[in-house]
Amino acid sequence: MAKEELIGSMSDSQLYSIGAYFCDSHPDLVDDVLKQSVEIERDGLARWAKKEKVEESVALQTLITGLSVRFYTALASDA
């Protein structure tokens, strides 16, 4: 599979769509969500949620959004 085909097939994923939507809709929050998602990965979901005084579901949503943004930007910069 050629590089362009691979990137094209990955850009059809929901993870890519979430990242693209977030970056387009909230460009001012991208750096914050990336920082928070790295903290969640480092600290663990439950520990980060407790530290931030948020529900674990909010921490999970933040983590997934951060991963989506990283996925989107990695593919977009490689296209």
N, C-alpha and C. Protein backbone atom coordinates (compact mmCIF):
# COMPACT_ATOMS: atom_id res chain seq x y z
N MET A 1 0.84 -1.17 0.00
CA MET A 1 0.00 0.00 0.00
C MET A 1 0.90 1.24 0.00
N ALA A 2 0.59 2.17 -0.86
CA ALA A 2 1.37 3.41 -0.96
C ALA A 2 1.09 4.29 0.25
N LYS A 3 2.04 5.16 0.55
CA LYS A 3 1.94 6.04 1.70
C LYS A 3 0.65 6.88 1.64
N GLU A 4 0.33 7.40 0.47
CA GLU A 4 -0.86 8.23 0.32
C GLU A 4 -2.13 7.43 0.59
N GLU A 5 -2.16 6.18 0.15
CA GLU A 5 -3.33 5.33 0.38
C GLU A 5 -3.49 5.03 1.87
N LEU A 6 -2.38 4.75 2.53
CA LEU A 6 -2.41 4.45 3.95
C LEU A 6 -2.92 5.66 4.74
N ILE A 7 -2.38 6.83 4.46
CA ILE A 7 -2.83 8.04 5.15
C ILE A 7 -4.29 8.31 4.84
N GLY A 8 -4.68 8.11 3.60
CA GLY A 8 -6.08 8.31 3.22
C GLY A 8 -7.02 7.38 3.96
N SER A 9 -6.63 6.13 4.11
CA SER A 9 -7.49 5.18 4.82
C SER A 9 -7.57 5.51 6.31
N MET A 10 -6.48 5.98 6.89
CA MET A 10 -6.50 6.35 8.30
C MET A 10 -7.30 7.62 8.54
N SER A 11 -7.33 8.50 7.56
CA SER A 11 -8.07 9.75 7.75
C SER A 11 -9.58 9.55 7.66
N ASP A 12 -10.01 8.34 7.34
CA ASP A 12 -11.43 8.01 7.34
C ASP A 12 -11.89 7.50 8.70
N SER A 13 -11.01 7.47 9.68
CA SER A 13 -11.35 6.90 10.99
C SER A 13 -12.04 7.94 11.88
N GLN A 14 -12.73 7.44 12.89
CA GLN A 14 -13.38 8.34 13.84
C GLN A 14 -12.36 9.10 14.68
N LEU A 15 -11.26 8.47 15.00
CA LEU A 15 -10.21 9.14 15.78
C LEU A 15 -9.72 10.38 15.03
N TYR A 16 -9.50 10.25 13.74
CA TYR A 16 -9.07 11.37 12.90
C TYR A 16 -10.14 12.45 12.88
N SER A 17 -11.40 12.03 12.71
CA SER A 17 -12.51 12.99 12.64
C SER A 17 -12.66 13.78 13.94
N ILE A 18 -12.52 13.09 15.07
CA ILE A 18 -12.61 13.77 16.36
C ILE A 18 -11.48 14.80 16.49
N GLY A 19 -10.28 14.40 16.12
CA GLY A 19 -9.14 15.32 16.19
C GLY A 19 -9.30 16.52 15.27
N ALA A 20 -9.76 16.27 14.06
CA ALA A 20 -9.97 17.36 13.10
C ALA A 20 -11.04 18.33 13.60
N TYR A 21 -12.14 17.78 14.08
CA TYR A 21 -13.22 18.61 14.60
C TYR A 21 -12.74 19.46 15.77
N PHE A 22 -12.04 18.85 16.71
CA PHE A 22 -11.57 19.59 17.88
C PHE A 22 -10.60 20.70 17.47
N CYS A 23 -9.65 20.38 16.60
CA CYS A 23 -8.67 21.39 16.17
C CYS A 23 -9.34 22.54 15.44
N ASP A 24 -10.34 22.24 14.62
CA ASP A 24 -11.04 23.29 13.87
C ASP A 24 -11.96 24.12 14.77
N SER A 25 -12.62 23.45 15.71
CA SER A 25 -13.61 24.13 16.55
C SER A 25 -13.02 24.84 17.76
N HIS A 26 -11.90 24.32 18.26
CA HIS A 26 -11.33 24.86 19.49
C HIS A 26 -9.81 25.02 19.39
N PRO A 27 -9.33 25.77 18.41
CA PRO A 27 -7.87 25.88 18.26
C PRO A 27 -7.18 26.47 19.49
N ASP A 28 -7.91 27.27 20.25
CA ASP A 28 -7.34 27.87 21.45
C ASP A 28 -7.18 26.88 22.60
N LEU A 29 -7.81 25.70 22.51
CA LEU A 29 -7.74 24.70 23.57
C LEU A 29 -6.82 23.52 23.24
N VAL A 30 -6.29 23.48 22.03
CA VAL A 30 -5.49 22.34 21.59
C VAL A 30 -4.30 22.10 22.51
N ASP A 31 -3.54 23.12 22.80
CA ASP A 31 -2.36 22.95 23.66
C ASP A 31 -2.74 22.43 25.04
N ASP A 32 -3.83 22.95 25.59
CA ASP A 32 -4.27 22.51 26.91
C ASP A 32 -4.68 21.05 26.91
N VAL A 33 -5.46 20.63 25.92
CA VAL A 33 -5.92 19.24 25.91
C VAL A 33 -4.75 18.29 25.65
N LEU A 34 -3.78 18.71 24.87
CA LEU A 34 -2.60 17.88 24.66
C LEU A 34 -1.81 17.73 25.96
N LYS A 35 -1.63 18.82 26.67
CA LYS A 35 -0.90 18.78 27.95
C LYS A 35 -1.64 17.89 28.95
N GLN A 36 -2.94 18.05 29.03
CA GLN A 36 -3.73 17.26 29.98
C GLN A 36 -3.71 15.77 29.62
N SER A 37 -3.77 15.45 28.34
CA SER A 37 -3.78 14.04 27.95
C SER A 37 -2.44 13.37 28.28
N VAL A 38 -1.36 14.11 28.14
CA VAL A 38 -0.04 13.58 28.51
C VAL A 38 0.02 13.35 30.03
N GLU A 39 -0.54 14.28 30.79
CA GLU A 39 -0.58 14.11 32.24
C GLU A 39 -1.40 12.88 32.63
N ILE A 40 -2.52 12.66 31.94
CA ILE A 40 -3.36 11.50 32.22
C ILE A 40 -2.60 10.21 31.92
N GLU A 41 -1.90 10.18 30.81
CA GLU A 41 -1.09 9.01 30.47
C GLU A 41 -0.03 8.76 31.55
N ARG A 42 0.58 9.81 32.01
CA ARG A 42 1.65 9.70 33.00
C ARG A 42 1.11 9.28 34.37
N ASP A 43 0.03 9.94 34.80
CA ASP A 43 -0.48 9.75 36.16
C ASP A 43 -1.48 8.60 36.28
N GLY A 44 -2.13 8.27 35.20
CA GLY A 44 -3.22 7.30 35.24
C GLY A 44 -4.55 8.03 35.31
N LEU A 45 -5.55 7.42 34.75
CA LEU A 45 -6.86 8.04 34.62
C LEU A 45 -7.47 8.40 35.98
N ALA A 46 -7.55 7.44 36.88
CA ALA A 46 -8.20 7.67 38.17
C ALA A 46 -7.45 8.70 39.01
N ARG A 47 -6.13 8.60 39.03
CA ARG A 47 -5.33 9.53 39.83
C ARG A 47 -5.45 10.95 39.30
N TRP A 48 -5.41 11.11 37.97
CA TRP A 48 -5.54 12.44 37.38
C TRP A 48 -6.92 13.02 37.66
N ALA A 49 -7.95 12.21 37.51
CA ALA A 49 -9.32 12.67 37.77
C ALA A 49 -9.47 13.14 39.21
N LYS A 50 -8.92 12.38 40.13
CA LYS A 50 -9.00 12.75 41.55
C LYS A 50 -8.25 14.05 41.80
N LYS A 51 -7.05 14.17 41.23
CA LYS A 51 -6.23 15.38 41.41
C LYS A 51 -6.95 16.61 40.86
N GLU A 52 -7.60 16.45 39.71
CA GLU A 52 -8.29 17.57 39.06
C GLU A 52 -9.72 17.77 39.56
N LYS A 53 -10.18 16.84 40.43
CA LYS A 53 -11.53 16.90 41.00
C LYS A 53 -12.60 16.85 39.90
N VAL A 54 -12.41 15.89 38.98
CA VAL A 54 -13.39 15.65 37.92
C VAL A 54 -13.74 14.16 37.91
N GLU A 55 -14.84 13.84 37.29
CA GLU A 55 -15.24 12.45 37.13
C GLU A 55 -14.25 11.73 36.21
N GLU A 56 -14.11 10.43 36.41
CA GLU A 56 -13.21 9.65 35.55
C GLU A 56 -13.68 9.69 34.10
N SER A 57 -14.97 9.82 33.87
CA SER A 57 -15.47 9.91 32.49
C SER A 57 -14.97 11.17 31.80
N VAL A 58 -14.82 12.25 32.54
CA VAL A 58 -14.26 13.49 31.99
C VAL A 58 -12.79 13.30 31.66
N ALA A 59 -12.07 12.62 32.55
CA ALA A 59 -10.66 12.33 32.30
C ALA A 59 -10.50 11.47 31.05
N LEU A 60 -11.37 10.47 30.91
CA LEU A 60 -11.31 9.60 29.74
C LEU A 60 -11.60 10.39 28.46
N GLN A 61 -12.58 11.25 28.50
CA GLN A 61 -12.91 12.07 27.34
C GLN A 61 -11.74 12.98 26.97
N THR A 62 -11.10 13.55 27.97
CA THR A 62 -9.93 14.40 27.73
C THR A 62 -8.79 13.60 27.11
N LEU A 63 -8.57 12.41 27.62
CA LEU A 63 -7.52 11.54 27.09
C LEU A 63 -7.79 11.20 25.63
N ILE A 64 -9.00 10.79 25.33
CA ILE A 64 -9.35 10.41 23.97
C ILE A 64 -9.26 11.60 23.02
N THR A 65 -9.69 12.76 23.49
CA THR A 65 -9.58 13.97 22.66
C THR A 65 -8.12 14.28 22.38
N GLY A 66 -7.27 14.20 23.40
CA GLY A 66 -5.84 14.45 23.20
C GLY A 66 -5.21 13.47 22.23
N LEU A 67 -5.57 12.20 22.36
CA LEU A 67 -5.05 11.19 21.43
C LEU A 67 -5.54 11.46 20.01
N SER A 68 -6.79 11.87 19.90
CA SER A 68 -7.36 12.18 18.58
C SER A 68 -6.65 13.35 17.93
N VAL A 69 -6.37 14.37 18.73
CA VAL A 69 -5.67 15.55 18.20
C VAL A 69 -4.27 15.16 17.74
N ARG A 70 -3.58 14.34 18.53
CA ARG A 70 -2.24 13.90 18.12
C ARG A 70 -2.30 13.07 16.84
N PHE A 71 -3.28 12.19 16.75
CA PHE A 71 -3.45 11.35 15.56
C PHE A 71 -3.72 12.22 14.33
N TYR A 72 -4.66 13.15 14.48
CA TYR A 72 -5.00 14.05 13.37
C TYR A 72 -3.81 14.87 12.92
N THR A 73 -3.12 15.50 13.88
CA THR A 73 -2.00 16.37 13.49
C THR A 73 -0.85 15.58 12.89
N ALA A 74 -0.64 14.37 13.36
CA ALA A 74 0.42 13.53 12.78
C ALA A 74 0.11 13.19 11.33
N LEU A 75 -1.13 12.84 11.05
CA LEU A 75 -1.50 12.51 9.68
C LEU A 75 -1.57 13.74 8.79
N ALA A 76 -2.11 14.82 9.33
CA ALA A 76 -2.25 16.05 8.54
C ALA A 76 -0.88 16.61 8.16
N SER A 77 0.08 16.49 9.03
CA SER A 77 1.42 17.02 8.73
C SER A 77 2.18 16.12 7.79
N ASP A 78 1.72 14.87 7.64
CA ASP A 78 2.40 13.91 6.78
C ASP A 78 1.75 13.84 5.39
N ALA A 79 0.61 14.49 5.24
CA ALA A 79 -0.14 14.41 3.97
C ALA A 79 0.49 15.24 2.89
